[in-house]
Amino acid sequence: MIVGCLYIDAFEARAFRPESPLVVTNGRHVVATWGLPARYNLVGITLAQARQLMPDARFVLRDRERERLYWEDVQTALLECTPFIAPSQPPNAFFRGADSEALRDLAGNLAVSIGTASHKHLAQLAALRAAPRNLLHITDAQAPAFLRSTPVGLLPRLGMAPEVAERLMLFGLISLFEVSTLTRRQLRAQFGSEGVRLYRFLHEKDDRIGLFSAPPAIRVGYVFEPEDSVRKVRPVLEHLISQAKAELERIRPCRLCLEFCEQGGGWERVERTLFRPLSDAESLGPLVNTLAARLFRAPREVDEVALVMSSLRHPTAHQTDLFSRKAPLMHAIGAVHRRKPDALKRAVVNTGALFPEERFRYESFT
């Protein structure tokens, strides 16, 4: 059985669909970069240092919602090649049962690297070693030579601690093949749980991949009757919008798609991606009307119209450390609190609440 791995380098930056040099930070340190010269390895350095080195680059804060939307797009594209996709986290997607030509086209279209082999871990290494926009296949006979040419410096890109690679090189072990000759006991003695994890990566051959479960979506549609002589789309859109608004009480879509089937033709669609979940029902109408203006620029004979809301998010309450992360905001609120003690309240989430009215309690800001 052939197993594949799709790898996206600089995933946190690619989620922004950048067209110019981009630096992604967490507010203090650089997380990922895109479009910079190879000699500039900024990941891990401070934001101030990065600005000095690349003053003309665009700096943005990491956006996990954009990353989630981008990952859903990648999975949807991969689903067109195969229905067998393992539940996985970016930047790696594992799959099986895909045609090689289709995978090469996918790698070129998405600008990703894809590796295939007889099991997941070897396929993951092949994806890391593959050239951008290319597919690399490693057979079992090629595996020993492939591991000999794979440096241990690649381990941090597999999620291993950088100290593991550094210490292995100090021991004179420069390739993964040499590391694979060590026993589980030896690796555990040197690196603890990280050593056990490394041993499993090099020796376990897992090829189990099931059917992919596509994310849910909500679709509301209208089909014109054959006897309808006048088929006005505008009233139908208003009807679909009113139906969709009712769903916004329980879900928050990040993607809207308007599609229609023309008489004697196929489906046409246009979509809009929202980088923040839509929670305002009144904003839905203008967004859908904007999509409709792009689809119906001229009168058309339509058989069916549908509105699809996908990339759904369910509203949940989370306690965060906003005040400790935003020092200027903390100082401003503290100044108000000193002038008017107990006037400011902050919400605290009751995680075990049974009723909606008990989900929050308000305490004085201290």
Protein backbone atom coordinates (compact mmCIF):
# COMPACT_ATOMS: atom_id res chain seq x y z
CA MET A 1 0.00 0.00 0.00
CA ILE A 2 1.25 3.46 -0.90
CA VAL A 3 0.79 6.19 1.70
CA GLY A 4 1.29 9.89 0.98
CA CYS A 5 2.08 13.01 2.96
CA LEU A 6 1.35 16.57 1.85
CA TYR A 7 3.63 19.12 3.49
CA ILE A 8 3.19 22.91 3.57
CA ASP A 9 6.33 24.83 4.40
CA ALA A 10 5.85 28.05 6.43
CA PHE A 11 2.20 27.14 6.96
CA GLU A 12 1.48 30.05 9.32
CA ALA A 13 2.61 32.48 6.61
CA ARG A 14 0.97 30.64 3.70
CA ALA A 15 -2.39 30.99 5.45
CA PHE A 16 -2.31 34.70 4.52
CA ARG A 17 -1.97 33.87 0.78
CA PRO A 18 1.00 36.27 0.62
CA GLU A 19 2.14 37.94 -2.58
CA SER A 20 5.07 39.87 -1.08
CA PRO A 21 7.64 39.19 1.69
CA LEU A 22 5.77 38.37 4.88
CA VAL A 23 6.85 37.84 8.49
CA VAL A 24 4.40 36.20 10.93
CA THR A 25 4.93 36.78 14.65
CA ASN A 26 3.24 35.92 17.92
CA GLY A 27 3.78 39.47 19.14
CA ARG A 28 7.27 38.82 20.47
CA HIS A 29 9.06 36.33 18.22
CA VAL A 30 8.96 35.34 14.56
CA VAL A 31 6.86 32.24 13.88
CA ALA A 32 7.16 31.92 10.09
CA THR A 33 8.32 33.83 7.03
CA TRP A 34 7.51 33.79 3.32
CA GLY A 35 9.22 35.26 0.30
CA LEU A 36 12.48 36.19 2.03
CA PRO A 37 15.94 35.32 0.67
CA ALA A 38 17.15 31.91 1.82
CA ARG A 39 19.97 33.46 3.84
CA TYR A 40 17.45 35.16 6.15
CA ASN A 41 16.35 32.56 8.71
CA LEU A 42 14.31 34.78 11.03
CA VAL A 43 12.22 32.11 12.77
CA GLY A 44 12.72 32.30 16.53
CA ILE A 45 14.35 35.72 16.71
CA THR A 46 12.64 38.68 18.35
CA LEU A 47 10.27 41.00 16.54
CA ALA A 48 12.62 43.96 17.03
CA GLN A 49 15.53 42.05 15.50
CA ALA A 50 13.42 40.97 12.52
CA ARG A 51 12.32 44.56 11.83
CA GLN A 52 15.96 45.65 11.76
CA LEU A 53 16.92 42.88 9.33
CA MET A 54 13.89 43.18 7.03
CA PRO A 55 12.42 46.70 7.39
CA ASP A 56 10.55 46.46 4.06
CA ALA A 57 8.76 43.19 4.83
CA ARG A 58 5.13 43.04 5.92
CA PHE A 59 4.72 42.03 9.58
CA VAL A 60 1.49 40.40 10.79
CA LEU A 61 0.30 38.63 13.92
CA ARG A 62 -0.40 34.91 13.65
CA ASP A 63 -4.06 34.32 12.81
CA ARG A 64 -5.32 30.86 13.75
CA GLU A 65 -8.70 31.44 12.09
CA ARG A 66 -6.99 32.09 8.75
CA GLU A 67 -4.89 28.97 9.30
CA ARG A 68 -7.99 26.90 9.93
CA LEU A 69 -9.69 28.20 6.77
CA TYR A 70 -6.57 27.60 4.69
CA TRP A 71 -6.25 24.06 6.04
CA GLU A 72 -9.88 23.35 5.11
CA ASP A 73 -9.15 24.54 1.56
CA VAL A 74 -6.15 22.20 1.36
CA GLN A 75 -8.19 19.24 2.60
CA THR A 76 -10.96 20.02 0.10
CA ALA A 77 -8.44 20.08 -2.75
CA LEU A 78 -6.89 16.80 -1.55
CA LEU A 79 -10.36 15.26 -1.32
CA GLU A 80 -10.67 15.62 -5.10
CA CYS A 81 -7.71 13.21 -5.44
CA THR A 82 -8.71 10.64 -2.81
CA PRO A 83 -11.41 10.08 -0.15
CA PHE A 84 -8.87 8.42 2.16
CA ILE A 85 -7.40 11.20 4.30
CA ALA A 86 -6.25 10.73 7.89
CA PRO A 87 -7.25 13.18 10.65
CA SER A 88 -4.08 15.26 10.94
CA GLN A 89 -2.83 18.69 11.87
CA PRO A 90 -1.00 21.17 9.65
CA PRO A 91 1.48 21.32 8.10
CA ASN A 92 1.15 17.58 7.25
CA ALA A 93 -1.82 15.78 5.68
CA PHE A 94 -1.61 11.97 5.32
CA PHE A 95 -3.59 10.08 2.68
CA ARG A 96 -3.64 6.98 0.47
CA GLY A 97 -5.18 5.82 -2.77
CA ALA A 98 -4.32 8.85 -4.92
CA ASP A 99 -3.08 8.79 -8.51
CA SER A 100 0.50 10.01 -9.05
CA GLU A 101 -0.40 12.36 -11.89
CA ALA A 102 -3.21 13.90 -9.85
CA LEU A 103 -0.80 14.40 -6.94
CA ARG A 104 1.75 16.14 -9.17
CA ASP A 105 -0.94 18.51 -10.41
CA LEU A 106 -2.08 19.11 -6.82
CA ALA A 107 1.48 19.86 -5.67
CA GLY A 108 1.86 22.40 -8.47
CA ASN A 109 -1.53 24.04 -7.96
CA LEU A 110 -1.19 24.38 -4.18
CA ALA A 111 2.58 25.06 -4.22
CA VAL A 112 3.22 22.26 -1.69
CA SER A 113 5.56 19.26 -1.42
CA ILE A 114 4.23 15.70 -1.49
CA GLY A 115 5.99 12.48 -0.53
CA THR A 116 4.81 8.88 -0.98
CA ALA A 117 6.13 5.66 0.52
CA SER A 118 4.96 2.42 2.12
CA HIS A 119 4.18 4.01 5.50
CA LYS A 120 3.45 7.42 7.05
CA HIS A 121 6.82 8.29 8.58
CA LEU A 122 8.82 7.54 5.45
CA ALA A 123 6.28 9.48 3.38
CA GLN A 124 6.61 12.42 5.78
CA LEU A 125 10.38 12.44 5.34
CA ALA A 126 9.95 12.25 1.56
CA ALA A 127 7.60 15.25 1.67
CA LEU A 128 10.13 17.24 3.68
CA ARG A 129 12.89 16.37 1.20
CA ALA A 130 10.78 16.91 -1.92
CA ALA A 131 11.30 20.06 -3.96
CA PRO A 132 8.49 22.64 -3.76
CA ARG A 133 5.59 21.88 -6.12
CA ASN A 134 6.88 18.33 -6.63
CA LEU A 135 6.20 14.71 -5.71
CA LEU A 136 8.91 12.40 -4.33
CA HIS A 137 8.31 8.64 -4.10
CA ILE A 138 10.58 6.44 -1.96
CA THR A 139 10.41 2.64 -2.30
CA ASP A 140 11.37 0.25 0.51
CA ALA A 141 14.52 -0.65 -1.43
CA GLN A 142 15.50 3.02 -1.60
CA ALA A 143 14.75 3.68 2.08
CA PRO A 144 18.22 2.87 3.55
CA ALA A 145 20.03 5.12 1.07
CA PHE A 146 17.38 7.80 1.56
CA LEU A 147 17.88 7.74 5.34
CA ARG A 148 21.66 7.93 4.90
CA SER A 149 21.22 11.17 2.92
CA THR A 150 18.75 12.65 5.41
CA PRO A 151 20.54 14.78 8.06
CA VAL A 152 19.50 14.79 11.70
CA GLY A 153 19.15 18.57 11.37
CA LEU A 154 15.76 17.82 9.82
CA LEU A 155 14.37 16.57 13.15
CA PRO A 156 13.09 19.95 14.42
CA ARG A 157 10.90 20.18 11.30
CA LEU A 158 9.35 16.88 12.43
CA GLY A 159 8.40 18.44 15.75
CA MET A 160 11.36 17.10 17.70
CA ALA A 161 13.20 19.29 20.20
CA PRO A 162 16.17 21.11 18.57
CA GLU A 163 18.40 19.89 21.43
CA VAL A 164 17.93 16.30 20.24
CA ALA A 165 19.44 17.06 16.83
CA GLU A 166 22.26 19.10 18.38
CA ARG A 167 23.27 16.33 20.80
CA LEU A 168 23.08 13.64 18.11
CA MET A 169 25.51 15.66 15.97
CA LEU A 170 27.82 16.06 18.98
CA PHE A 171 27.83 12.25 19.25
CA GLY A 172 28.93 12.10 15.59
CA LEU A 173 25.56 10.86 14.28
CA ILE A 174 24.81 12.97 11.22
CA SER A 175 22.18 10.95 9.35
CA LEU A 176 18.88 9.37 10.33
CA PHE A 177 20.18 6.00 9.15
CA GLU A 178 22.89 6.14 11.81
CA VAL A 179 20.31 7.11 14.43
CA SER A 180 18.11 4.18 13.36
CA THR A 181 20.87 1.75 14.44
CA LEU A 182 20.43 2.84 18.06
CA THR A 183 18.19 0.82 20.34
CA ARG A 184 15.09 2.11 22.07
CA ARG A 185 16.90 1.83 25.40
CA GLN A 186 19.84 3.95 24.19
CA LEU A 187 17.61 6.72 22.82
CA ARG A 188 15.45 6.77 25.94
CA ALA A 189 18.54 6.96 28.19
CA GLN A 190 19.80 10.02 26.32
CA PHE A 191 16.60 11.88 25.49
CA GLY A 192 13.81 10.45 27.64
CA SER A 193 10.35 10.62 26.05
CA GLU A 194 11.74 12.46 23.01
CA GLY A 195 14.11 9.52 22.43
CA VAL A 196 11.22 7.05 22.57
CA ARG A 197 9.28 9.18 20.14
CA LEU A 198 12.25 9.31 17.76
CA TYR A 199 12.67 5.51 17.93
CA ARG A 200 9.01 4.99 17.08
CA PHE A 201 9.26 7.42 14.18
CA LEU A 202 12.19 5.52 12.66
CA HIS A 203 10.92 1.97 13.25
CA GLU A 204 7.13 1.88 13.42
CA LYS A 205 5.41 1.41 10.06
CA ASP A 206 1.89 2.79 10.31
CA ASP A 207 -0.18 2.81 7.12
CA ARG A 208 -3.70 3.01 8.60
CA ILE A 209 -5.80 5.69 6.94
CA GLY A 210 -9.60 5.72 6.83
CA LEU A 211 -12.25 7.63 4.94
CA PHE A 212 -12.21 11.39 5.34
CA SER A 213 -15.19 13.00 7.06
CA ALA A 214 -15.87 16.32 5.36
CA PRO A 215 -16.75 19.30 7.59
CA PRO A 216 -20.50 19.93 7.84
CA ALA A 217 -22.21 22.68 5.87
CA ILE A 218 -25.70 24.19 5.82
CA ARG A 219 -27.45 24.52 2.47
CA VAL A 220 -30.74 26.28 1.77
CA GLY A 221 -32.11 26.22 -1.75
CA TYR A 222 -35.08 26.85 -4.00
CA VAL A 223 -36.16 24.92 -7.11
CA PHE A 224 -38.36 26.65 -9.67
CA GLU A 225 -41.37 24.70 -10.86
CA PRO A 226 -41.44 23.79 -14.58
CA GLU A 227 -44.66 25.76 -15.06
CA ASP A 228 -43.14 28.99 -13.68
CA SER A 229 -43.11 31.35 -16.64
CA VAL A 230 -41.49 34.24 -14.76
CA ARG A 231 -38.48 33.22 -12.69
CA LYS A 232 -37.41 36.17 -10.59
CA VAL A 233 -34.27 35.51 -8.61
CA ARG A 234 -34.43 38.52 -6.27
CA PRO A 235 -37.48 37.35 -4.22
CA VAL A 236 -35.94 33.88 -4.02
CA LEU A 237 -32.71 35.32 -2.63
CA GLU A 238 -34.63 37.22 0.05
CA HIS A 239 -36.36 33.96 0.98
CA LEU A 240 -33.03 32.09 1.21
CA ILE A 241 -31.49 34.87 3.29
CA SER A 242 -34.38 34.72 5.78
CA GLN A 243 -33.93 30.94 6.06
CA ALA A 244 -30.19 31.28 6.56
CA LYS A 245 -30.60 33.97 9.24
CA ALA A 246 -32.47 31.49 11.42
CA GLU A 247 -29.40 29.23 11.42
CA LEU A 248 -27.12 32.01 12.69
CA GLU A 249 -28.51 31.55 16.19
CA ARG A 250 -26.55 28.31 16.57
CA ILE A 251 -23.66 28.50 14.08
CA ARG A 252 -21.18 31.03 12.77
CA PRO A 253 -20.12 30.51 9.11
CA CYS A 254 -16.77 31.67 7.78
CA ARG A 255 -17.59 30.91 4.14
CA LEU A 256 -20.60 31.81 2.01
CA CYS A 257 -21.27 30.29 -1.40
CA LEU A 258 -24.07 31.26 -3.77
CA GLU A 259 -24.73 28.80 -6.59
CA PHE A 260 -27.33 28.33 -9.28
CA CYS A 261 -28.19 25.89 -12.05
CA GLU A 262 -29.06 27.45 -15.37
CA GLN A 263 -31.64 25.90 -17.68
CA GLY A 264 -29.94 23.31 -19.86
CA GLY A 265 -26.56 23.95 -18.22
CA GLY A 266 -24.46 23.07 -15.20
CA TRP A 267 -23.89 24.66 -11.81
CA GLU A 268 -22.13 27.98 -11.41
CA ARG A 269 -21.00 29.37 -8.07
CA VAL A 270 -19.26 32.27 -6.40
CA GLU A 271 -18.05 32.35 -2.81
CA ARG A 272 -16.77 34.71 -0.16
CA THR A 273 -14.39 33.80 2.66
CA LEU A 274 -14.75 35.67 5.94
CA PHE A 275 -11.70 35.64 8.16
CA ARG A 276 -13.92 36.15 11.20
CA PRO A 277 -17.07 34.06 11.81
CA LEU A 278 -20.26 35.85 10.77
CA SER A 279 -22.38 36.44 13.87
CA ASP A 280 -24.50 39.42 12.77
CA ALA A 281 -27.63 38.26 10.95
CA GLU A 282 -28.16 41.71 9.47
CA SER A 283 -24.79 41.50 7.67
CA LEU A 284 -25.82 38.34 5.84
CA GLY A 285 -28.16 40.10 3.39
CA PRO A 286 -25.60 42.60 2.00
CA LEU A 287 -22.98 39.85 1.66
CA VAL A 288 -25.32 37.56 -0.29
CA ASN A 289 -26.50 40.44 -2.48
CA THR A 290 -22.88 41.24 -3.33
CA LEU A 291 -22.35 37.64 -4.41
CA ALA A 292 -25.56 37.74 -6.44
CA ALA A 293 -24.40 40.88 -8.24
CA ARG A 294 -21.34 38.96 -9.42
CA LEU A 295 -23.41 35.99 -10.63
CA PHE A 296 -26.38 37.76 -12.19
CA ARG A 297 -24.84 40.60 -14.13
CA ALA A 298 -27.31 39.86 -16.93
CA PRO A 299 -30.78 38.22 -16.97
CA ARG A 300 -30.51 34.43 -16.87
CA GLU A 301 -32.95 31.52 -16.98
CA VAL A 302 -32.42 29.67 -13.70
CA ASP A 303 -33.74 26.29 -12.55
CA GLU A 304 -32.35 26.25 -8.99
CA VAL A 305 -30.66 28.65 -6.58
CA ALA A 306 -28.85 27.68 -3.36
CA LEU A 307 -26.98 29.40 -0.54
CA VAL A 308 -24.33 27.32 1.25
CA MET A 309 -22.78 28.28 4.60
CA SER A 310 -19.64 26.31 5.44
CA SER A 311 -16.52 26.44 7.61
CA LEU A 312 -18.92 26.50 10.54
CA ARG A 313 -17.94 27.66 13.99
CA HIS A 314 -20.09 27.04 17.05
CA PRO A 315 -20.16 29.93 19.54
CA THR A 316 -18.46 28.95 22.78
CA ALA A 317 -17.25 30.90 25.77
CA HIS A 318 -13.56 30.77 26.68
CA GLN A 319 -11.73 32.41 29.54
CA THR A 320 -8.66 34.22 28.20
CA ASP A 321 -5.72 36.14 29.58
CA LEU A 322 -6.39 39.26 27.48
CA PHE A 323 -5.43 41.70 30.24
CA SER A 324 -2.07 40.10 30.99
CA ARG A 325 -1.14 40.01 27.29
CA LYS A 326 -2.13 43.58 26.47
CA ALA A 327 -0.05 45.72 28.81
CA PRO A 328 -1.33 49.13 27.54
CA LEU A 329 -4.92 47.96 28.02
CA MET A 330 -4.07 46.77 31.52
CA HIS A 331 -2.66 50.19 32.44
CA ALA A 332 -5.71 52.02 31.05
CA ILE A 333 -8.20 49.81 32.91
CA GLY A 334 -6.11 50.03 36.08
CA ALA A 335 -6.25 53.84 35.91
CA VAL A 336 -10.07 53.77 35.67
CA HIS A 337 -10.24 51.27 38.53
CA ARG A 338 -8.13 53.51 40.79
CA ARG A 339 -10.42 56.49 40.13
CA LYS A 340 -13.68 54.53 40.48
CA PRO A 341 -13.12 51.37 42.55
CA ASP A 342 -15.56 48.50 41.90
CA ALA A 343 -17.12 50.32 38.93
CA LEU A 344 -15.49 47.93 36.45
CA LYS A 345 -16.55 44.29 36.29
CA ARG A 346 -15.05 41.41 34.37
CA ALA A 347 -16.76 38.21 33.28
CA VAL A 348 -15.57 34.85 34.56
CA VAL A 349 -16.75 31.69 32.79
CA ASN A 350 -18.49 29.03 34.88
CA THR A 351 -17.37 25.91 33.02
CA GLY A 352 -19.84 23.60 34.78
CA ALA A 353 -22.94 25.76 34.33
CA LEU A 354 -26.12 23.93 33.34
CA PHE A 355 -28.17 26.93 32.24
CA PRO A 356 -27.24 29.77 29.83
CA GLU A 357 -27.88 32.45 32.43
CA GLU A 358 -25.32 30.79 34.71
CA ARG A 359 -22.47 30.65 32.17
CA PHE A 360 -20.91 33.87 33.46
CA ARG A 361 -20.45 35.63 36.76
CA TYR A 362 -19.15 39.18 37.08
CA GLU A 363 -16.44 40.10 39.54
CA SER A 364 -14.86 43.40 40.45
CA PHE A 365 -11.73 44.16 38.48
CA THR A 366 -8.69 43.98 40.76
